[in-house]
Amino acid sequence: MPADVVPSARSDSSGDKTLIILRHAKSDWPTGVPDHDRPLGGRGNREAPEAGRWLAGRNLYPDMILCSDAVRTRQTCTWVCSELGEKAPTPYLDSRLYEADAACALAVINETEERVRTLMVIGHMPWVQDLGMRIASVESDEEAVVSMAERYPTLGLQVFRIQGEWATLDGRDARMTHFTVPRP
């Protein structure tokens, strides 16, 4: 199997789970609009579907999507789901992910039911990067971790394999397999 193909977590017999963490696409800064209500900019709307294409191209279909309730994350989620097509689950908007720190975002992930094998979480800097740094195990792909640590641009996407329960995910216990920034 090529290195850039991720085995489907839905058919995985090893018991591992998959966590996908996605930063929203490039947003706009319209005057007078509160931060929570900022939409995607033109570039964000052009690029956001690429995250969905990247996932579909690797047979990575989330069973559940948790998304910050900010406008730019919801719009990113809509683009991703449109590319995932019928295999996209109905996203769950969680207001706690908007101004979260890594500990808060992890607490939200820890609430995930065990029946969920592939979880996607869409959020914001700095917690998306901070959380990646917190949970990446020593078995992680070193190049992926270094790339994510050095620069985490909009639409940055991390993929982790997790062997334990969602509730016990805490620190250095998820193997990062990919960090990418899907672009057209």
N, C-alpha and C. Protein backbone atom coordinates (compact mmCIF):
# COMPACT_ATOMS: atom_id res chain seq x y z
N MET A 1 0.86 -1.17 0.00
CA MET A 1 0.00 0.00 0.00
C MET A 1 0.90 1.24 0.00
N PRO A 2 0.66 2.23 -0.88
CA PRO A 2 1.48 3.43 -0.92
C PRO A 2 1.44 4.17 0.42
N ALA A 3 2.53 4.87 0.74
CA ALA A 3 2.66 5.56 2.02
C ALA A 3 1.59 6.62 2.23
N ASP A 4 1.08 7.22 1.15
CA ASP A 4 0.11 8.29 1.34
C ASP A 4 -1.32 7.78 1.41
N VAL A 5 -1.52 6.48 1.38
CA VAL A 5 -2.86 5.91 1.51
C VAL A 5 -3.04 5.46 2.95
N VAL A 6 -4.15 5.85 3.55
CA VAL A 6 -4.46 5.49 4.92
C VAL A 6 -5.49 4.37 4.88
N PRO A 7 -5.22 3.26 5.56
CA PRO A 7 -6.22 2.20 5.55
C PRO A 7 -7.52 2.69 6.16
N SER A 8 -8.62 2.24 5.62
CA SER A 8 -9.93 2.66 6.11
C SER A 8 -10.11 2.22 7.55
N ALA A 9 -10.42 3.19 8.42
CA ALA A 9 -10.66 2.87 9.82
C ALA A 9 -11.96 2.08 9.97
N ARG A 10 -12.89 2.24 9.05
CA ARG A 10 -14.17 1.54 9.15
C ARG A 10 -14.00 0.03 8.97
N SER A 11 -12.99 -0.35 8.19
CA SER A 11 -12.80 -1.78 7.95
C SER A 11 -11.57 -2.30 8.68
N ASP A 12 -10.97 -1.49 9.51
CA ASP A 12 -9.76 -1.86 10.22
C ASP A 12 -10.06 -2.91 11.29
N SER A 13 -9.32 -4.00 11.27
CA SER A 13 -9.56 -5.06 12.25
C SER A 13 -8.64 -4.95 13.45
N SER A 14 -7.71 -4.00 13.46
CA SER A 14 -6.75 -3.90 14.55
C SER A 14 -7.33 -3.24 15.78
N GLY A 15 -8.48 -2.61 15.66
CA GLY A 15 -9.06 -1.92 16.79
C GLY A 15 -8.61 -0.48 16.92
N ASP A 16 -7.65 -0.07 16.12
CA ASP A 16 -7.20 1.32 16.16
C ASP A 16 -8.32 2.25 15.71
N LYS A 17 -8.25 3.46 16.25
CA LYS A 17 -9.16 4.52 15.82
C LYS A 17 -8.35 5.57 15.09
N THR A 18 -9.04 6.45 14.37
CA THR A 18 -8.38 7.51 13.63
C THR A 18 -8.94 8.85 14.08
N LEU A 19 -8.05 9.79 14.35
CA LEU A 19 -8.41 11.16 14.69
C LEU A 19 -7.86 12.08 13.62
N ILE A 20 -8.74 12.89 13.07
CA ILE A 20 -8.36 13.88 12.05
C ILE A 20 -8.61 15.25 12.66
N ILE A 21 -7.59 16.08 12.68
CA ILE A 21 -7.72 17.45 13.19
C ILE A 21 -7.46 18.39 12.03
N LEU A 22 -8.43 19.25 11.75
CA LEU A 22 -8.35 20.17 10.61
C LEU A 22 -8.51 21.60 11.08
N ARG A 23 -7.59 22.46 10.66
CA ARG A 23 -7.76 23.90 10.86
C ARG A 23 -8.62 24.43 9.72
N HIS A 24 -9.49 25.36 10.02
CA HIS A 24 -10.37 25.94 9.00
C HIS A 24 -9.56 26.54 7.85
N ALA A 25 -10.22 26.74 6.72
CA ALA A 25 -9.60 27.36 5.55
C ALA A 25 -9.43 28.86 5.78
N LYS A 26 -8.76 29.52 4.85
CA LYS A 26 -8.43 30.95 4.96
C LYS A 26 -9.71 31.79 5.07
N SER A 27 -9.75 32.61 6.11
CA SER A 27 -10.94 33.43 6.35
C SER A 27 -10.73 34.86 5.86
N ASP A 28 -11.82 35.58 5.85
CA ASP A 28 -11.84 36.98 5.47
C ASP A 28 -11.82 37.82 6.75
N TRP A 29 -11.53 39.11 6.63
CA TRP A 29 -11.52 40.03 7.77
C TRP A 29 -12.42 41.24 7.48
N PRO A 30 -13.73 41.01 7.26
CA PRO A 30 -14.59 42.15 6.95
C PRO A 30 -14.70 43.11 8.13
N THR A 31 -14.71 44.39 7.84
CA THR A 31 -14.79 45.43 8.87
C THR A 31 -16.11 45.33 9.62
N GLY A 32 -16.02 45.43 10.93
CA GLY A 32 -17.21 45.45 11.77
C GLY A 32 -17.85 44.10 12.05
N VAL A 33 -17.25 43.03 11.55
CA VAL A 33 -17.81 41.69 11.78
C VAL A 33 -17.09 41.06 12.97
N PRO A 34 -17.84 40.60 13.97
CA PRO A 34 -17.19 39.94 15.12
C PRO A 34 -16.40 38.72 14.66
N ASP A 35 -15.34 38.40 15.38
CA ASP A 35 -14.47 37.28 15.00
C ASP A 35 -15.25 35.99 14.79
N HIS A 36 -16.17 35.69 15.66
CA HIS A 36 -16.96 34.45 15.55
C HIS A 36 -17.71 34.37 14.22
N ASP A 37 -18.07 35.50 13.67
CA ASP A 37 -18.90 35.54 12.45
C ASP A 37 -18.10 35.74 11.17
N ARG A 38 -16.76 35.75 11.27
CA ARG A 38 -15.95 35.93 10.06
C ARG A 38 -16.12 34.76 9.10
N PRO A 39 -16.41 35.03 7.83
CA PRO A 39 -16.58 33.97 6.84
C PRO A 39 -15.25 33.59 6.20
N LEU A 40 -15.29 32.56 5.39
CA LEU A 40 -14.13 32.23 4.56
C LEU A 40 -13.95 33.32 3.52
N GLY A 41 -12.71 33.56 3.15
CA GLY A 41 -12.41 34.46 2.06
C GLY A 41 -12.46 33.70 0.74
N GLY A 42 -12.18 34.40 -0.35
CA GLY A 42 -12.19 33.76 -1.66
C GLY A 42 -11.25 32.57 -1.73
N ARG A 43 -10.02 32.76 -1.22
CA ARG A 43 -9.05 31.67 -1.24
C ARG A 43 -9.54 30.49 -0.41
N GLY A 44 -10.13 30.77 0.75
CA GLY A 44 -10.65 29.72 1.61
C GLY A 44 -11.74 28.91 0.93
N ASN A 45 -12.63 29.59 0.23
CA ASN A 45 -13.70 28.89 -0.48
C ASN A 45 -13.16 28.06 -1.64
N ARG A 46 -12.08 28.51 -2.27
CA ARG A 46 -11.47 27.74 -3.36
C ARG A 46 -10.72 26.52 -2.82
N GLU A 47 -10.06 26.68 -1.67
CA GLU A 47 -9.18 25.62 -1.17
C GLU A 47 -9.86 24.61 -0.25
N ALA A 48 -10.88 25.00 0.47
CA ALA A 48 -11.50 24.11 1.47
C ALA A 48 -11.93 22.76 0.90
N PRO A 49 -12.50 22.69 -0.32
CA PRO A 49 -12.88 21.37 -0.84
C PRO A 49 -11.70 20.40 -0.96
N GLU A 50 -10.48 20.93 -1.08
CA GLU A 50 -9.30 20.07 -1.21
C GLU A 50 -9.11 19.15 -0.01
N ALA A 51 -9.48 19.63 1.18
CA ALA A 51 -9.35 18.77 2.37
C ALA A 51 -10.26 17.55 2.23
N GLY A 52 -11.48 17.76 1.74
CA GLY A 52 -12.39 16.65 1.52
C GLY A 52 -11.88 15.70 0.45
N ARG A 53 -11.32 16.27 -0.61
CA ARG A 53 -10.77 15.43 -1.68
C ARG A 53 -9.58 14.61 -1.17
N TRP A 54 -8.74 15.24 -0.37
CA TRP A 54 -7.59 14.54 0.19
C TRP A 54 -8.05 13.35 1.03
N LEU A 55 -9.03 13.59 1.89
CA LEU A 55 -9.55 12.51 2.74
C LEU A 55 -10.17 11.39 1.90
N ALA A 56 -11.03 11.75 0.96
CA ALA A 56 -11.69 10.75 0.12
C ALA A 56 -10.67 9.96 -0.70
N GLY A 57 -9.63 10.64 -1.16
CA GLY A 57 -8.59 9.98 -1.94
C GLY A 57 -7.80 8.96 -1.15
N ARG A 58 -7.88 9.03 0.17
CA ARG A 58 -7.19 8.09 1.05
C ARG A 58 -8.16 7.19 1.79
N ASN A 59 -9.41 7.20 1.34
CA ASN A 59 -10.45 6.37 1.95
C ASN A 59 -10.63 6.66 3.43
N LEU A 60 -10.49 7.92 3.80
CA LEU A 60 -10.65 8.35 5.19
C LEU A 60 -11.99 9.07 5.32
N TYR A 61 -12.98 8.37 5.79
CA TYR A 61 -14.32 8.93 5.95
C TYR A 61 -14.68 8.94 7.43
N PRO A 62 -14.86 10.13 8.00
CA PRO A 62 -15.20 10.18 9.43
C PRO A 62 -16.57 9.58 9.72
N ASP A 63 -16.66 8.94 10.88
CA ASP A 63 -17.94 8.47 11.40
C ASP A 63 -18.65 9.63 12.09
N MET A 64 -17.86 10.57 12.59
CA MET A 64 -18.39 11.71 13.33
C MET A 64 -17.51 12.92 13.05
N ILE A 65 -18.14 14.09 12.92
CA ILE A 65 -17.42 15.34 12.76
C ILE A 65 -17.85 16.28 13.87
N LEU A 66 -16.87 16.77 14.64
CA LEU A 66 -17.08 17.82 15.63
C LEU A 66 -16.51 19.10 15.04
N CYS A 67 -17.29 20.16 15.06
CA CYS A 67 -16.88 21.40 14.41
C CYS A 67 -17.16 22.59 15.33
N SER A 68 -16.20 23.49 15.42
CA SER A 68 -16.44 24.75 16.11
C SER A 68 -17.66 25.41 15.47
N ASP A 69 -18.40 26.17 16.26
CA ASP A 69 -19.60 26.81 15.71
C ASP A 69 -19.32 28.16 15.04
N ALA A 70 -18.05 28.54 14.90
CA ALA A 70 -17.71 29.79 14.19
C ALA A 70 -18.05 29.63 12.71
N VAL A 71 -18.37 30.74 12.06
CA VAL A 71 -18.79 30.70 10.65
C VAL A 71 -17.72 30.07 9.77
N ARG A 72 -16.47 30.45 9.92
CA ARG A 72 -15.41 29.96 9.03
C ARG A 72 -15.18 28.46 9.16
N THR A 73 -15.35 27.91 10.37
CA THR A 73 -15.20 26.46 10.53
C THR A 73 -16.40 25.73 9.96
N ARG A 74 -17.59 26.30 10.15
CA ARG A 74 -18.80 25.68 9.59
C ARG A 74 -18.73 25.66 8.07
N GLN A 75 -18.25 26.75 7.48
CA GLN A 75 -18.14 26.79 6.01
C GLN A 75 -17.09 25.80 5.52
N THR A 76 -15.98 25.69 6.22
CA THR A 76 -14.96 24.70 5.86
C THR A 76 -15.56 23.30 5.92
N CYS A 77 -16.29 23.03 6.98
CA CYS A 77 -16.94 21.73 7.16
C CYS A 77 -17.91 21.43 6.01
N THR A 78 -18.66 22.43 5.60
CA THR A 78 -19.61 22.24 4.50
C THR A 78 -18.89 21.83 3.22
N TRP A 79 -17.78 22.51 2.92
CA TRP A 79 -17.00 22.16 1.72
C TRP A 79 -16.44 20.74 1.82
N VAL A 80 -15.89 20.39 2.99
CA VAL A 80 -15.33 19.05 3.18
C VAL A 80 -16.42 18.00 3.00
N CYS A 81 -17.56 18.20 3.64
CA CYS A 81 -18.65 17.23 3.55
C CYS A 81 -19.17 17.10 2.11
N SER A 82 -19.16 18.19 1.37
CA SER A 82 -19.63 18.10 -0.02
C SER A 82 -18.71 17.19 -0.84
N GLU A 83 -17.43 17.19 -0.52
CA GLU A 83 -16.49 16.32 -1.23
C GLU A 83 -16.56 14.87 -0.75
N LEU A 84 -16.96 14.67 0.50
CA LEU A 84 -17.09 13.31 1.03
C LEU A 84 -18.39 12.65 0.55
N GLY A 85 -19.32 13.49 0.08
CA GLY A 85 -20.56 12.98 -0.49
C GLY A 85 -21.43 12.24 0.51
N GLU A 86 -22.02 11.15 0.06
CA GLU A 86 -22.94 10.37 0.88
C GLU A 86 -22.29 9.77 2.11
N LYS A 87 -20.98 9.66 2.11
CA LYS A 87 -20.28 9.07 3.25
C LYS A 87 -20.02 10.07 4.37
N ALA A 88 -20.36 11.33 4.14
CA ALA A 88 -20.16 12.36 5.17
C ALA A 88 -21.24 12.26 6.24
N PRO A 89 -20.83 12.23 7.52
CA PRO A 89 -21.84 12.23 8.58
C PRO A 89 -22.38 13.65 8.79
N THR A 90 -23.49 13.76 9.48
CA THR A 90 -24.00 15.08 9.85
C THR A 90 -23.09 15.66 10.91
N PRO A 91 -22.49 16.83 10.67
CA PRO A 91 -21.56 17.41 11.66
C PRO A 91 -22.28 17.86 12.93
N TYR A 92 -21.56 17.81 14.02
CA TYR A 92 -22.05 18.30 15.30
C TYR A 92 -21.29 19.58 15.62
N LEU A 93 -22.01 20.68 15.79
CA LEU A 93 -21.38 21.96 16.13
C LEU A 93 -21.20 22.04 17.64
N ASP A 94 -19.99 22.37 18.07
CA ASP A 94 -19.70 22.46 19.49
C ASP A 94 -19.09 23.82 19.79
N SER A 95 -19.82 24.65 20.50
CA SER A 95 -19.36 26.02 20.80
C SER A 95 -18.10 26.03 21.66
N ARG A 96 -17.82 24.94 22.37
CA ARG A 96 -16.62 24.90 23.21
C ARG A 96 -15.34 24.91 22.38
N LEU A 97 -15.43 24.52 21.11
CA LEU A 97 -14.24 24.47 20.26
C LEU A 97 -13.86 25.83 19.69
N TYR A 98 -14.70 26.85 19.85
CA TYR A 98 -14.40 28.16 19.27
C TYR A 98 -13.24 28.84 19.98
N GLU A 99 -13.31 29.07 21.26
CA GLU A 99 -12.23 29.74 21.98
C GLU A 99 -11.47 28.77 22.88
N ALA A 100 -11.41 27.54 22.46
CA ALA A 100 -10.78 26.49 23.26
C ALA A 100 -9.27 26.63 23.32
N ASP A 101 -8.71 25.99 24.33
CA ASP A 101 -7.28 25.73 24.33
C ASP A 101 -7.14 24.23 24.09
N ALA A 102 -5.93 23.73 24.04
CA ALA A 102 -5.72 22.31 23.72
C ALA A 102 -6.39 21.40 24.75
N ALA A 103 -6.33 21.77 26.02
CA ALA A 103 -6.94 20.94 27.07
C ALA A 103 -8.45 20.86 26.91
N CYS A 104 -9.08 21.97 26.59
CA CYS A 104 -10.53 21.99 26.39
C CYS A 104 -10.91 21.17 25.16
N ALA A 105 -10.19 21.35 24.05
CA ALA A 105 -10.48 20.59 22.84
C ALA A 105 -10.31 19.09 23.09
N LEU A 106 -9.27 18.73 23.84
CA LEU A 106 -9.06 17.32 24.17
C LEU A 106 -10.19 16.79 25.03
N ALA A 107 -10.69 17.58 25.96
CA ALA A 107 -11.81 17.16 26.81
C ALA A 107 -13.05 16.88 25.95
N VAL A 108 -13.27 17.69 24.92
CA VAL A 108 -14.39 17.45 24.00
C VAL A 108 -14.19 16.13 23.27
N ILE A 109 -12.98 15.88 22.79
CA ILE A 109 -12.66 14.62 22.10
C ILE A 109 -12.84 13.43 23.04
N ASN A 110 -12.43 13.60 24.30
CA ASN A 110 -12.55 12.52 25.28
C ASN A 110 -13.99 12.07 25.52
N GLU A 111 -14.96 12.90 25.18
CA GLU A 111 -16.38 12.56 25.35
C GLU A 111 -16.92 11.67 24.23
N THR A 112 -16.12 11.44 23.19
CA THR A 112 -16.57 10.68 22.03
C THR A 112 -16.90 9.24 22.41
N GLU A 113 -18.02 8.75 21.88
CA GLU A 113 -18.43 7.37 22.14
C GLU A 113 -17.49 6.40 21.44
N GLU A 114 -17.27 5.27 22.05
CA GLU A 114 -16.33 4.28 21.52
C GLU A 114 -16.75 3.69 20.18
N ARG A 115 -18.03 3.73 19.85
CA ARG A 115 -18.47 3.21 18.56
C ARG A 115 -17.91 4.03 17.40
N VAL A 116 -17.48 5.28 17.68
CA VAL A 116 -16.89 6.14 16.65
C VAL A 116 -15.46 5.66 16.40
N ARG A 117 -15.19 5.22 15.18
CA ARG A 117 -13.86 4.71 14.84
C ARG A 117 -12.99 5.79 14.20
N THR A 118 -13.63 6.73 13.48
CA THR A 118 -12.89 7.82 12.84
C THR A 118 -13.58 9.13 13.18
N LEU A 119 -12.87 9.97 13.89
CA LEU A 119 -13.39 11.25 14.36
C LEU A 119 -12.64 12.39 13.67
N MET A 120 -13.38 13.35 13.15
CA MET A 120 -12.78 14.55 12.58
C MET A 120 -13.18 15.74 13.44
N VAL A 121 -12.21 16.58 13.77
CA VAL A 121 -12.46 17.78 14.57
C VAL A 121 -11.95 18.98 13.78
N ILE A 122 -12.82 19.98 13.60
CA ILE A 122 -12.46 21.17 12.82
C ILE A 122 -12.43 22.36 13.76
N GLY A 123 -11.28 23.04 13.80
CA GLY A 123 -11.12 24.12 14.76
C GLY A 123 -10.16 25.20 14.34
N HIS A 124 -9.51 25.78 15.33
CA HIS A 124 -8.76 27.02 15.19
C HIS A 124 -7.36 26.91 15.78
N MET A 125 -6.51 27.83 15.32
CA MET A 125 -5.23 28.05 15.99
C MET A 125 -5.54 28.84 17.26
N PRO A 126 -4.78 28.68 18.32
CA PRO A 126 -3.58 27.83 18.40
C PRO A 126 -3.87 26.40 18.85
N TRP A 127 -5.12 26.08 19.22
CA TRP A 127 -5.32 24.77 19.84
C TRP A 127 -5.10 23.61 18.89
N VAL A 128 -5.35 23.76 17.58
CA VAL A 128 -5.15 22.62 16.68
C VAL A 128 -3.68 22.19 16.69
N GLN A 129 -2.78 23.16 16.68
CA GLN A 129 -1.35 22.85 16.71
C GLN A 129 -0.93 22.38 18.11
N ASP A 130 -1.38 23.08 19.14
CA ASP A 130 -1.01 22.71 20.51
C ASP A 130 -1.48 21.30 20.84
N LEU A 131 -2.67 20.94 20.39
CA LEU A 131 -3.18 19.60 20.66
C LEU A 131 -2.36 18.55 19.92
N GLY A 132 -2.01 18.84 18.67
CA GLY A 132 -1.16 17.91 17.92
C GLY A 132 0.16 17.67 18.63
N MET A 133 0.76 18.73 19.14
CA MET A 133 2.02 18.59 19.87
C MET A 133 1.84 17.79 21.16
N ARG A 134 0.71 17.96 21.79
CA ARG A 134 0.45 17.28 23.06
C ARG A 134 0.25 15.78 22.88
N ILE A 135 -0.46 15.37 21.84
CA ILE A 135 -0.83 13.95 21.74
C ILE A 135 0.09 13.12 20.85
N ALA A 136 0.94 13.77 20.04
CA ALA A 136 1.82 13.02 19.13
C ALA A 136 2.79 12.13 19.91
N SER A 137 2.74 10.85 19.65
CA SER A 137 3.60 9.89 20.35
C SER A 137 4.98 9.84 19.72
N VAL A 138 5.89 9.16 20.39
CA VAL A 138 7.24 9.01 19.86
C VAL A 138 7.26 8.11 18.62
N GLU A 139 6.20 7.34 18.40
CA GLU A 139 6.10 6.49 17.21
C GLU A 139 5.58 7.25 16.00
N SER A 140 5.28 8.54 16.17
CA SER A 140 4.73 9.35 15.08
C SER A 140 5.72 9.50 13.93
N ASP A 141 5.19 9.80 12.76
CA ASP A 141 6.02 10.12 11.61
C ASP A 141 6.75 11.42 11.93
N GLU A 142 8.07 11.33 12.04
CA GLU A 142 8.87 12.48 12.48
C GLU A 142 8.73 13.68 11.55
N GLU A 143 8.75 13.43 10.26
CA GLU A 143 8.62 14.52 9.29
C GLU A 143 7.27 15.24 9.44
N ALA A 144 6.22 14.48 9.66
CA ALA A 144 4.89 15.07 9.82
C ALA A 144 4.84 15.94 11.08
N VAL A 145 5.38 15.45 12.18
CA VAL A 145 5.36 16.20 13.43
C VAL A 145 6.18 17.48 13.31
N VAL A 146 7.37 17.39 12.74
CA VAL A 146 8.22 18.57 12.59
C VAL A 146 7.56 19.59 11.68
N SER A 147 6.98 19.15 10.60
CA SER A 147 6.29 20.06 9.67
C SER A 147 5.14 20.76 10.37
N MET A 148 4.34 20.03 11.13
CA MET A 148 3.21 20.61 11.86
C MET A 148 3.69 21.58 12.93
N ALA A 149 4.78 21.25 13.61
CA ALA A 149 5.29 22.10 14.68
C ALA A 149 5.89 23.40 14.16
N GLU A 150 6.51 23.34 12.99
CA GLU A 150 7.16 24.52 12.43
C GLU A 150 6.18 25.54 11.86
N ARG A 151 5.12 25.04 11.24
CA ARG A 151 4.19 25.95 10.58
C ARG A 151 2.86 25.24 10.40
N TYR A 152 1.80 25.87 10.90
CA TYR A 152 0.47 25.27 10.81
C TYR A 152 -0.46 26.25 10.11
N PRO A 153 -0.45 26.27 8.78
CA PRO A 153 -1.27 27.23 8.03
C PRO A 153 -2.75 26.84 8.02
N THR A 154 -3.56 27.72 7.49
CA THR A 154 -4.96 27.40 7.31
C THR A 154 -5.08 26.14 6.46
N LEU A 155 -6.08 25.35 6.74
CA LEU A 155 -6.38 24.07 6.10
C LEU A 155 -5.34 22.99 6.42
N GLY A 156 -4.51 23.24 7.44
CA GLY A 156 -3.59 22.21 7.89
C GLY A 156 -4.38 21.04 8.46
N LEU A 157 -3.96 19.82 8.11
CA LEU A 157 -4.71 18.62 8.46
C LEU A 157 -3.77 17.58 9.06
N GLN A 158 -4.11 17.12 10.25
CA GLN A 158 -3.33 16.08 10.94
C GLN A 158 -4.14 14.79 10.98
N VAL A 159 -3.47 13.66 10.85
CA VAL A 159 -4.12 12.36 10.99
C VAL A 159 -3.34 11.57 12.04
N PHE A 160 -4.08 11.03 13.00
CA PHE A 160 -3.50 10.24 14.09
C PHE A 160 -4.17 8.87 14.14
N ARG A 161 -3.39 7.86 14.54
CA ARG A 161 -3.93 6.54 14.86
C ARG A 161 -3.87 6.41 16.38
N ILE A 162 -4.97 5.92 16.95
CA ILE A 162 -5.11 5.83 18.40
C ILE A 162 -5.49 4.40 18.76
N GLN A 163 -4.77 3.82 19.71
CA GLN A 163 -5.08 2.45 20.11
C GLN A 163 -6.01 2.37 21.31
N GLY A 164 -5.99 3.34 22.18
CA GLY A 164 -6.82 3.29 23.38
C GLY A 164 -8.21 3.85 23.16
N GLU A 165 -8.90 4.08 24.26
CA GLU A 165 -10.24 4.64 24.22
C GLU A 165 -10.15 6.16 24.06
N TRP A 166 -11.20 6.74 23.47
CA TRP A 166 -11.24 8.20 23.33
C TRP A 166 -11.10 8.86 24.70
N ALA A 167 -11.74 8.29 25.69
CA ALA A 167 -11.75 8.89 27.02
C ALA A 167 -10.37 8.93 27.68
N THR A 168 -9.46 8.07 27.24
CA THR A 168 -8.14 8.03 27.86
C THR A 168 -7.07 8.76 27.05
N LEU A 169 -7.42 9.27 25.88
CA LEU A 169 -6.46 10.03 25.09
C LEU A 169 -6.02 11.24 25.90
N ASP A 170 -4.70 11.40 26.08
CA ASP A 170 -4.24 12.45 26.97
C ASP A 170 -2.96 13.12 26.49
N GLY A 171 -1.91 12.38 26.34
CA GLY A 171 -0.65 12.98 25.95
C GLY A 171 0.33 11.94 25.46
N ARG A 172 0.91 12.20 24.31
CA ARG A 172 1.90 11.33 23.69
C ARG A 172 1.38 9.92 23.44
N ASP A 173 0.07 9.81 23.21
CA ASP A 173 -0.50 8.48 23.02
C ASP A 173 -1.26 8.31 21.71
N ALA A 174 -0.93 9.16 20.74
CA ALA A 174 -1.54 9.05 19.41
C ALA A 174 -0.42 9.13 18.37
N ARG A 175 -0.42 8.20 17.44
CA ARG A 175 0.65 8.16 16.43
C ARG A 175 0.23 9.01 15.23
N MET A 176 0.94 10.13 15.01
CA MET A 176 0.65 10.97 13.85
C MET A 176 1.20 10.27 12.61
N THR A 177 0.32 10.08 11.64
CA THR A 177 0.74 9.45 10.39
C THR A 177 0.88 10.46 9.27
N HIS A 178 0.14 11.58 9.35
CA HIS A 178 0.16 12.57 8.28
C HIS A 178 -0.01 13.98 8.83
N PHE A 179 0.67 14.91 8.22
CA PHE A 179 0.35 16.33 8.33
C PHE A 179 0.45 16.87 6.91
N THR A 180 -0.62 17.50 6.46
CA THR A 180 -0.63 18.01 5.11
C THR A 180 -1.44 19.30 5.05
N VAL A 181 -1.22 20.04 4.00
CA VAL A 181 -2.01 21.23 3.71
C VAL A 181 -2.52 21.05 2.29
N PRO A 182 -3.72 20.46 2.14
CA PRO A 182 -4.24 20.20 0.81
C PRO A 182 -4.48 21.50 0.04
N ARG A 183 -3.93 21.57 -1.15
CA ARG A 183 -4.11 22.77 -2.01
C ARG A 183 -4.47 22.30 -3.41
N PRO A 184 -5.23 23.13 -4.13
CA PRO A 184 -5.58 22.76 -5.52
C PRO A 184 -4.37 22.70 -6.42
